[in-house]
Amino acid sequence: MTSRRHWVTGLIMAGVWWTVAAGCVKQGGTAARYSGSDVITAEEARGTSANDAYDVVQLLRPMWLRPRAAPSLTNARGGYARIYVDNVPLAGGTRELRTVPAGDIREIHYISPADATTRFGTGHAGGVIMVMTRSGG
C-alpha cells in the first residue's frame, strides 16, 4: 500500500512539473522572455504588429489603459493613467501614446498610483505609463 501511494505521489508531481514547464515555454519551443507585468521592453514591442505605443500597450498590457477610479470633482480624468514620454508629462491622456511610433520605443513602464504619487505628486490616481524612447532620455 505504501509503495502504491509513493507511485501515485510521484505521478502527480511529474504532472505538476510538466504543467509548469509547459507554461514557461511559448509556442515554437523557445523560452518566453517576459520582463514582468510592469515593463514592456523594445524586444516585446517589436514582436507585435503595433504601429504606435498605444497599440503596443493595448496588445501586451491592456489593463494599463483601464481606469482605476471613477471621475470626481477633484479628479475629472478619473483613474486613467497619466502619460509621460522621456520623463515629460503629456496632457492629452492615453491617446498621447499614439504619438510615439512603435519602432522608437526603448521601454514602457507602468508605475502604480501609490508610487506615481510619491514620485510625481498628487493627480496620479490611475498611475503613470512612462515611455522611454530611443531618441529621448
N, C-alpha and C. Protein backbone atom coordinates (compact mmCIF):
# COMPACT_ATOMS: atom_id res chain seq x y z
N MET A 1 0.82 -1.19 0.00
CA MET A 1 0.00 0.00 0.00
C MET A 1 0.87 1.26 0.00
N THR A 2 1.96 1.25 0.78
CA THR A 2 2.84 2.41 0.86
C THR A 2 3.54 2.66 -0.47
N SER A 3 4.02 1.59 -1.13
CA SER A 3 4.70 1.77 -2.41
C SER A 3 3.73 2.30 -3.47
N ARG A 4 2.47 1.90 -3.40
CA ARG A 4 1.47 2.40 -4.34
C ARG A 4 1.23 3.90 -4.11
N ARG A 5 1.20 4.31 -2.85
CA ARG A 5 0.99 5.71 -2.51
C ARG A 5 2.17 6.55 -3.02
N HIS A 6 3.40 6.04 -2.88
CA HIS A 6 4.58 6.75 -3.39
C HIS A 6 4.54 6.86 -4.91
N TRP A 7 4.07 5.79 -5.58
CA TRP A 7 3.97 5.79 -7.03
C TRP A 7 2.96 6.86 -7.50
N VAL A 8 1.82 6.95 -6.84
CA VAL A 8 0.79 7.93 -7.18
C VAL A 8 1.31 9.34 -6.91
N THR A 9 1.97 9.54 -5.78
CA THR A 9 2.54 10.86 -5.46
C THR A 9 3.57 11.26 -6.51
N GLY A 10 4.42 10.33 -6.92
CA GLY A 10 5.41 10.61 -7.95
C GLY A 10 4.77 10.97 -9.27
N LEU A 11 3.70 10.28 -9.61
CA LEU A 11 2.98 10.56 -10.85
C LEU A 11 2.36 11.96 -10.83
N ILE A 12 1.80 12.31 -9.71
CA ILE A 12 1.19 13.65 -9.56
C ILE A 12 2.27 14.72 -9.66
N MET A 13 3.40 14.53 -9.00
CA MET A 13 4.50 15.51 -9.03
C MET A 13 5.04 15.67 -10.46
N ALA A 14 5.13 14.56 -11.19
CA ALA A 14 5.59 14.63 -12.58
C ALA A 14 4.61 15.44 -13.42
N GLY A 15 3.32 15.26 -13.20
CA GLY A 15 2.31 16.02 -13.92
C GLY A 15 2.40 17.51 -13.62
N VAL A 16 2.62 17.83 -12.35
CA VAL A 16 2.77 19.23 -11.96
C VAL A 16 4.01 19.82 -12.63
N TRP A 17 5.12 19.09 -12.62
CA TRP A 17 6.35 19.58 -13.22
C TRP A 17 6.15 19.85 -14.71
N TRP A 18 5.51 18.92 -15.43
CA TRP A 18 5.28 19.10 -16.86
C TRP A 18 4.36 20.29 -17.13
N THR A 19 3.37 20.50 -16.28
CA THR A 19 2.47 21.64 -16.45
C THR A 19 3.22 22.95 -16.29
N VAL A 20 4.05 23.05 -15.26
CA VAL A 20 4.84 24.26 -15.03
C VAL A 20 5.83 24.47 -16.16
N ALA A 21 6.50 23.41 -16.60
CA ALA A 21 7.47 23.53 -17.69
C ALA A 21 6.79 23.98 -18.98
N ALA A 22 5.62 23.46 -19.26
CA ALA A 22 4.90 23.85 -20.48
C ALA A 22 4.48 25.31 -20.41
N GLY A 23 4.16 25.82 -19.23
CA GLY A 23 3.77 27.22 -19.07
C GLY A 23 4.93 28.18 -19.25
N CYS A 24 6.16 27.70 -19.14
CA CYS A 24 7.34 28.55 -19.27
C CYS A 24 7.87 28.61 -20.69
N VAL A 25 7.25 27.89 -21.60
CA VAL A 25 7.71 27.86 -22.99
C VAL A 25 6.59 28.35 -23.87
N LYS A 26 6.91 29.30 -24.75
CA LYS A 26 5.89 29.77 -25.68
C LYS A 26 5.90 28.92 -26.93
N GLN A 27 4.90 29.08 -27.76
CA GLN A 27 4.77 28.30 -28.97
C GLN A 27 6.01 28.48 -29.83
N GLY A 28 6.50 27.40 -30.38
CA GLY A 28 7.72 27.45 -31.17
C GLY A 28 8.87 26.81 -30.43
N GLY A 29 8.68 26.51 -29.14
CA GLY A 29 9.68 25.78 -28.39
C GLY A 29 10.77 26.61 -27.76
N THR A 30 10.69 27.93 -27.82
CA THR A 30 11.72 28.74 -27.19
C THR A 30 11.20 29.27 -25.87
N ALA A 31 12.10 29.53 -24.95
CA ALA A 31 11.70 30.04 -23.64
C ALA A 31 11.12 31.44 -23.80
N ALA A 32 10.04 31.70 -23.12
CA ALA A 32 9.41 33.01 -23.18
C ALA A 32 10.26 34.03 -22.44
N ARG A 33 10.40 35.22 -23.04
CA ARG A 33 11.13 36.31 -22.38
C ARG A 33 10.10 37.33 -21.95
N TYR A 34 9.85 37.39 -20.67
CA TYR A 34 8.82 38.26 -20.13
C TYR A 34 9.43 39.01 -18.97
N SER A 35 9.49 40.34 -19.08
CA SER A 35 10.18 41.12 -18.06
C SER A 35 9.34 41.45 -16.85
N GLY A 36 8.11 41.09 -16.84
CA GLY A 36 7.25 41.41 -15.72
C GLY A 36 6.05 42.21 -16.18
N SER A 37 5.08 42.28 -15.31
CA SER A 37 3.84 42.94 -15.70
C SER A 37 3.94 44.45 -15.72
N ASP A 38 5.00 45.03 -15.17
CA ASP A 38 5.09 46.49 -15.13
C ASP A 38 6.07 47.06 -16.14
N VAL A 39 6.63 46.24 -17.04
CA VAL A 39 7.58 46.72 -18.04
C VAL A 39 7.29 46.05 -19.38
N ILE A 40 7.36 46.84 -20.45
CA ILE A 40 7.34 46.32 -21.81
C ILE A 40 8.68 46.71 -22.43
N THR A 41 9.43 45.76 -22.89
CA THR A 41 10.74 46.04 -23.48
C THR A 41 10.60 46.31 -24.98
N ALA A 42 11.67 46.85 -25.57
CA ALA A 42 11.69 47.09 -27.01
C ALA A 42 11.53 45.77 -27.76
N GLU A 43 12.12 44.71 -27.22
CA GLU A 43 12.02 43.39 -27.85
C GLU A 43 10.57 42.93 -27.90
N GLU A 44 9.84 43.11 -26.78
CA GLU A 44 8.42 42.73 -26.76
C GLU A 44 7.62 43.58 -27.75
N ALA A 45 7.91 44.88 -27.81
CA ALA A 45 7.19 45.78 -28.71
C ALA A 45 7.43 45.39 -30.16
N ARG A 46 8.68 45.05 -30.50
CA ARG A 46 9.00 44.64 -31.88
C ARG A 46 8.29 43.34 -32.25
N GLY A 47 7.97 42.52 -31.27
CA GLY A 47 7.31 41.26 -31.53
C GLY A 47 5.82 41.38 -31.81
N THR A 48 5.31 42.60 -31.85
CA THR A 48 3.89 42.82 -32.13
C THR A 48 3.72 43.43 -33.52
N SER A 49 2.49 43.56 -33.94
CA SER A 49 2.18 44.22 -35.21
C SER A 49 1.77 45.67 -34.98
N ALA A 50 2.10 46.22 -33.83
CA ALA A 50 1.66 47.56 -33.44
C ALA A 50 2.35 48.65 -34.25
N ASN A 51 1.63 49.75 -34.45
CA ASN A 51 2.16 50.92 -35.14
C ASN A 51 2.68 51.98 -34.18
N ASP A 52 2.09 52.02 -32.98
CA ASP A 52 2.46 53.06 -32.02
C ASP A 52 2.40 52.49 -30.60
N ALA A 53 2.80 53.32 -29.64
CA ALA A 53 2.88 52.88 -28.24
C ALA A 53 1.51 52.48 -27.69
N TYR A 54 0.45 53.16 -28.12
CA TYR A 54 -0.89 52.79 -27.65
C TYR A 54 -1.22 51.36 -28.05
N ASP A 55 -0.96 51.03 -29.32
CA ASP A 55 -1.23 49.67 -29.80
C ASP A 55 -0.37 48.64 -29.06
N VAL A 56 0.88 48.98 -28.77
CA VAL A 56 1.76 48.07 -28.03
C VAL A 56 1.16 47.77 -26.67
N VAL A 57 0.76 48.82 -25.95
CA VAL A 57 0.18 48.63 -24.63
C VAL A 57 -1.15 47.87 -24.73
N GLN A 58 -1.97 48.22 -25.71
CA GLN A 58 -3.26 47.55 -25.89
C GLN A 58 -3.08 46.06 -26.14
N LEU A 59 -2.07 45.70 -26.90
CA LEU A 59 -1.83 44.30 -27.22
C LEU A 59 -1.18 43.53 -26.07
N LEU A 60 -0.23 44.16 -25.37
CA LEU A 60 0.57 43.44 -24.38
C LEU A 60 0.12 43.63 -22.93
N ARG A 61 -0.35 44.80 -22.56
CA ARG A 61 -0.77 45.07 -21.18
C ARG A 61 -2.02 45.94 -21.18
N PRO A 62 -3.15 45.45 -21.71
CA PRO A 62 -4.35 46.28 -21.83
C PRO A 62 -4.87 46.79 -20.50
N MET A 63 -4.55 46.12 -19.39
CA MET A 63 -5.04 46.57 -18.09
C MET A 63 -4.46 47.93 -17.70
N TRP A 64 -3.33 48.32 -18.29
CA TRP A 64 -2.77 49.64 -18.00
C TRP A 64 -3.67 50.76 -18.50
N LEU A 65 -4.48 50.49 -19.50
CA LEU A 65 -5.33 51.52 -20.11
C LEU A 65 -6.69 51.65 -19.44
N ARG A 66 -6.99 50.77 -18.50
CA ARG A 66 -8.28 50.81 -17.80
C ARG A 66 -8.24 51.82 -16.66
N PRO A 67 -9.37 52.49 -16.41
CA PRO A 67 -9.40 53.44 -15.29
C PRO A 67 -9.33 52.71 -13.95
N ARG A 68 -8.68 53.32 -12.98
CA ARG A 68 -8.57 52.74 -11.64
C ARG A 68 -9.60 53.33 -10.68
N ALA A 69 -10.21 54.45 -11.06
CA ALA A 69 -11.20 55.11 -10.20
C ALA A 69 -12.18 55.88 -11.09
N ALA A 70 -13.34 56.20 -10.55
CA ALA A 70 -14.33 56.98 -11.29
C ALA A 70 -13.96 58.46 -11.25
N PRO A 71 -14.38 59.23 -12.27
CA PRO A 71 -14.14 60.67 -12.24
C PRO A 71 -14.80 61.31 -11.02
N SER A 72 -14.20 62.36 -10.52
CA SER A 72 -14.76 63.09 -9.38
C SER A 72 -14.53 64.59 -9.58
N LEU A 73 -15.00 65.40 -8.64
CA LEU A 73 -14.80 66.85 -8.75
C LEU A 73 -13.32 67.21 -8.69
N THR A 74 -12.55 66.47 -7.92
CA THR A 74 -11.12 66.79 -7.79
C THR A 74 -10.26 66.07 -8.82
N ASN A 75 -10.82 65.08 -9.50
CA ASN A 75 -10.07 64.32 -10.49
C ASN A 75 -10.97 64.04 -11.68
N ALA A 76 -11.11 65.04 -12.56
CA ALA A 76 -12.03 64.94 -13.69
C ALA A 76 -11.64 63.85 -14.68
N ARG A 77 -10.35 63.53 -14.77
CA ARG A 77 -9.90 62.49 -15.70
C ARG A 77 -10.18 61.09 -15.18
N GLY A 78 -10.67 61.01 -13.97
CA GLY A 78 -10.91 59.69 -13.39
C GLY A 78 -9.60 59.00 -13.09
N GLY A 79 -9.63 57.71 -13.10
CA GLY A 79 -8.45 56.96 -12.72
C GLY A 79 -7.62 56.47 -13.89
N TYR A 80 -7.64 57.17 -15.01
CA TYR A 80 -6.80 56.77 -16.13
C TYR A 80 -5.34 57.12 -15.85
N ALA A 81 -4.45 56.31 -16.36
CA ALA A 81 -3.02 56.57 -16.18
C ALA A 81 -2.62 57.85 -16.90
N ARG A 82 -1.72 58.58 -16.28
CA ARG A 82 -1.12 59.75 -16.93
C ARG A 82 0.04 59.27 -17.77
N ILE A 83 0.32 59.98 -18.85
CA ILE A 83 1.35 59.56 -19.79
C ILE A 83 2.56 60.49 -19.68
N TYR A 84 3.73 59.86 -19.56
CA TYR A 84 5.00 60.57 -19.57
C TYR A 84 5.83 59.96 -20.69
N VAL A 85 6.42 60.81 -21.52
CA VAL A 85 7.34 60.34 -22.56
C VAL A 85 8.68 60.98 -22.29
N ASP A 86 9.69 60.15 -22.07
CA ASP A 86 11.04 60.61 -21.73
C ASP A 86 11.00 61.60 -20.56
N ASN A 87 10.25 61.23 -19.52
CA ASN A 87 10.11 61.99 -18.27
C ASN A 87 9.37 63.31 -18.41
N VAL A 88 8.69 63.53 -19.54
CA VAL A 88 7.90 64.75 -19.75
C VAL A 88 6.43 64.37 -19.73
N PRO A 89 5.63 64.99 -18.81
CA PRO A 89 4.20 64.67 -18.77
C PRO A 89 3.47 65.22 -19.99
N LEU A 90 2.55 64.43 -20.53
CA LEU A 90 1.74 64.86 -21.67
C LEU A 90 0.31 65.04 -21.20
N ALA A 91 -0.36 66.07 -21.69
CA ALA A 91 -1.67 66.45 -21.16
C ALA A 91 -2.84 65.74 -21.81
N GLY A 92 -2.66 65.07 -22.92
CA GLY A 92 -3.80 64.56 -23.67
C GLY A 92 -4.35 63.21 -23.25
N GLY A 93 -3.88 62.63 -22.19
CA GLY A 93 -4.38 61.32 -21.77
C GLY A 93 -3.73 60.19 -22.56
N THR A 94 -4.37 59.03 -22.47
CA THR A 94 -3.77 57.85 -23.08
C THR A 94 -3.67 57.95 -24.60
N ARG A 95 -4.45 58.80 -25.23
CA ARG A 95 -4.34 58.95 -26.69
C ARG A 95 -2.97 59.51 -27.10
N GLU A 96 -2.26 60.15 -26.16
CA GLU A 96 -0.91 60.66 -26.44
C GLU A 96 0.06 59.54 -26.78
N LEU A 97 -0.26 58.31 -26.37
CA LEU A 97 0.59 57.18 -26.72
C LEU A 97 0.63 56.96 -28.23
N ARG A 98 -0.38 57.48 -28.94
CA ARG A 98 -0.43 57.34 -30.40
C ARG A 98 0.68 58.15 -31.07
N THR A 99 1.27 59.12 -30.36
CA THR A 99 2.30 59.97 -30.95
C THR A 99 3.68 59.32 -30.94
N VAL A 100 3.82 58.18 -30.29
CA VAL A 100 5.12 57.51 -30.19
C VAL A 100 5.13 56.29 -31.11
N PRO A 101 5.93 56.32 -32.18
CA PRO A 101 5.99 55.16 -33.09
C PRO A 101 6.53 53.93 -32.35
N ALA A 102 5.99 52.78 -32.68
CA ALA A 102 6.41 51.53 -32.02
C ALA A 102 7.91 51.29 -32.18
N GLY A 103 8.47 51.66 -33.31
CA GLY A 103 9.90 51.45 -33.55
C GLY A 103 10.80 52.34 -32.72
N ASP A 104 10.24 53.38 -32.12
CA ASP A 104 11.03 54.32 -31.32
C ASP A 104 11.03 53.95 -29.83
N ILE A 105 10.30 52.89 -29.46
CA ILE A 105 10.17 52.51 -28.05
C ILE A 105 11.42 51.80 -27.57
N ARG A 106 11.97 52.29 -26.47
CA ARG A 106 13.06 51.60 -25.78
C ARG A 106 12.49 50.76 -24.64
N GLU A 107 11.57 51.35 -23.88
CA GLU A 107 10.90 50.66 -22.78
C GLU A 107 9.64 51.42 -22.40
N ILE A 108 8.64 50.68 -21.92
CA ILE A 108 7.44 51.30 -21.37
C ILE A 108 7.25 50.71 -19.98
N HIS A 109 7.10 51.59 -18.99
CA HIS A 109 6.91 51.18 -17.60
C HIS A 109 5.53 51.61 -17.13
N TYR A 110 4.91 50.77 -16.32
CA TYR A 110 3.70 51.19 -15.61
C TYR A 110 4.11 51.44 -14.17
N ILE A 111 3.78 52.63 -13.66
CA ILE A 111 4.07 53.00 -12.28
C ILE A 111 2.74 53.07 -11.55
N SER A 112 2.62 52.33 -10.46
CA SER A 112 1.36 52.24 -9.72
C SER A 112 0.95 53.61 -9.18
N PRO A 113 -0.34 53.79 -8.87
CA PRO A 113 -0.80 55.08 -8.33
C PRO A 113 -0.02 55.52 -7.08
N ALA A 114 0.23 54.60 -6.17
CA ALA A 114 0.96 54.96 -4.94
C ALA A 114 2.38 55.41 -5.26
N ASP A 115 3.08 54.65 -6.10
CA ASP A 115 4.45 55.03 -6.47
C ASP A 115 4.47 56.31 -7.29
N ALA A 116 3.49 56.49 -8.18
CA ALA A 116 3.42 57.70 -9.00
C ALA A 116 3.18 58.93 -8.14
N THR A 117 2.32 58.80 -7.14
CA THR A 117 2.05 59.93 -6.25
C THR A 117 3.30 60.28 -5.45
N THR A 118 4.01 59.28 -5.00
CA THR A 118 5.26 59.53 -4.27
C THR A 118 6.29 60.20 -5.18
N ARG A 119 6.38 59.75 -6.40
CA ARG A 119 7.40 60.25 -7.33
C ARG A 119 7.04 61.59 -7.96
N PHE A 120 5.76 61.76 -8.35
CA PHE A 120 5.36 62.94 -9.12
C PHE A 120 4.40 63.87 -8.39
N GLY A 121 3.85 63.46 -7.25
CA GLY A 121 2.88 64.27 -6.52
C GLY A 121 1.45 63.82 -6.81
N THR A 122 0.49 64.57 -6.34
CA THR A 122 -0.92 64.19 -6.48
C THR A 122 -1.36 64.26 -7.94
N GLY A 123 -2.55 63.69 -8.21
CA GLY A 123 -3.10 63.72 -9.56
C GLY A 123 -2.72 62.51 -10.40
N HIS A 124 -2.32 61.43 -9.75
CA HIS A 124 -1.92 60.22 -10.46
C HIS A 124 -2.72 59.01 -9.97
N ALA A 125 -4.04 59.19 -9.84
CA ALA A 125 -4.91 58.14 -9.30
C ALA A 125 -4.93 56.89 -10.17
N GLY A 126 -4.57 57.03 -11.43
CA GLY A 126 -4.52 55.87 -12.32
C GLY A 126 -3.12 55.37 -12.57
N GLY A 127 -2.15 55.96 -11.89
CA GLY A 127 -0.77 55.58 -12.12
C GLY A 127 -0.18 56.34 -13.29
N VAL A 128 0.96 55.87 -13.76
CA VAL A 128 1.67 56.52 -14.86
C VAL A 128 2.13 55.46 -15.84
N ILE A 129 1.95 55.76 -17.13
CA ILE A 129 2.59 54.96 -18.17
C ILE A 129 3.76 55.81 -18.66
N MET A 130 4.97 55.32 -18.39
CA MET A 130 6.21 56.04 -18.70
C MET A 130 6.84 55.39 -19.94
N VAL A 131 6.92 56.16 -21.03
CA VAL A 131 7.52 55.67 -22.27
C VAL A 131 8.91 56.26 -22.39
N MET A 132 9.88 55.38 -22.55
CA MET A 132 11.25 55.82 -22.78
C MET A 132 11.56 55.50 -24.25
N THR A 133 11.96 56.51 -25.01
CA THR A 133 12.21 56.31 -26.43
C THR A 133 13.70 56.18 -26.71
N ARG A 134 14.02 55.70 -27.89
CA ARG A 134 15.42 55.57 -28.30
C ARG A 134 16.08 56.94 -28.45
N SER A 135 15.30 57.92 -28.87
CA SER A 135 15.85 59.25 -29.12
C SER A 135 15.85 60.15 -27.90
N GLY A 136 15.10 59.77 -26.87
CA GLY A 136 14.99 60.63 -25.68
C GLY A 136 15.82 60.12 -24.53
N GLY A 137 15.48 60.62 -23.35
CA GLY A 137 16.20 60.29 -22.13
C GLY A 137 15.88 58.98 -21.66
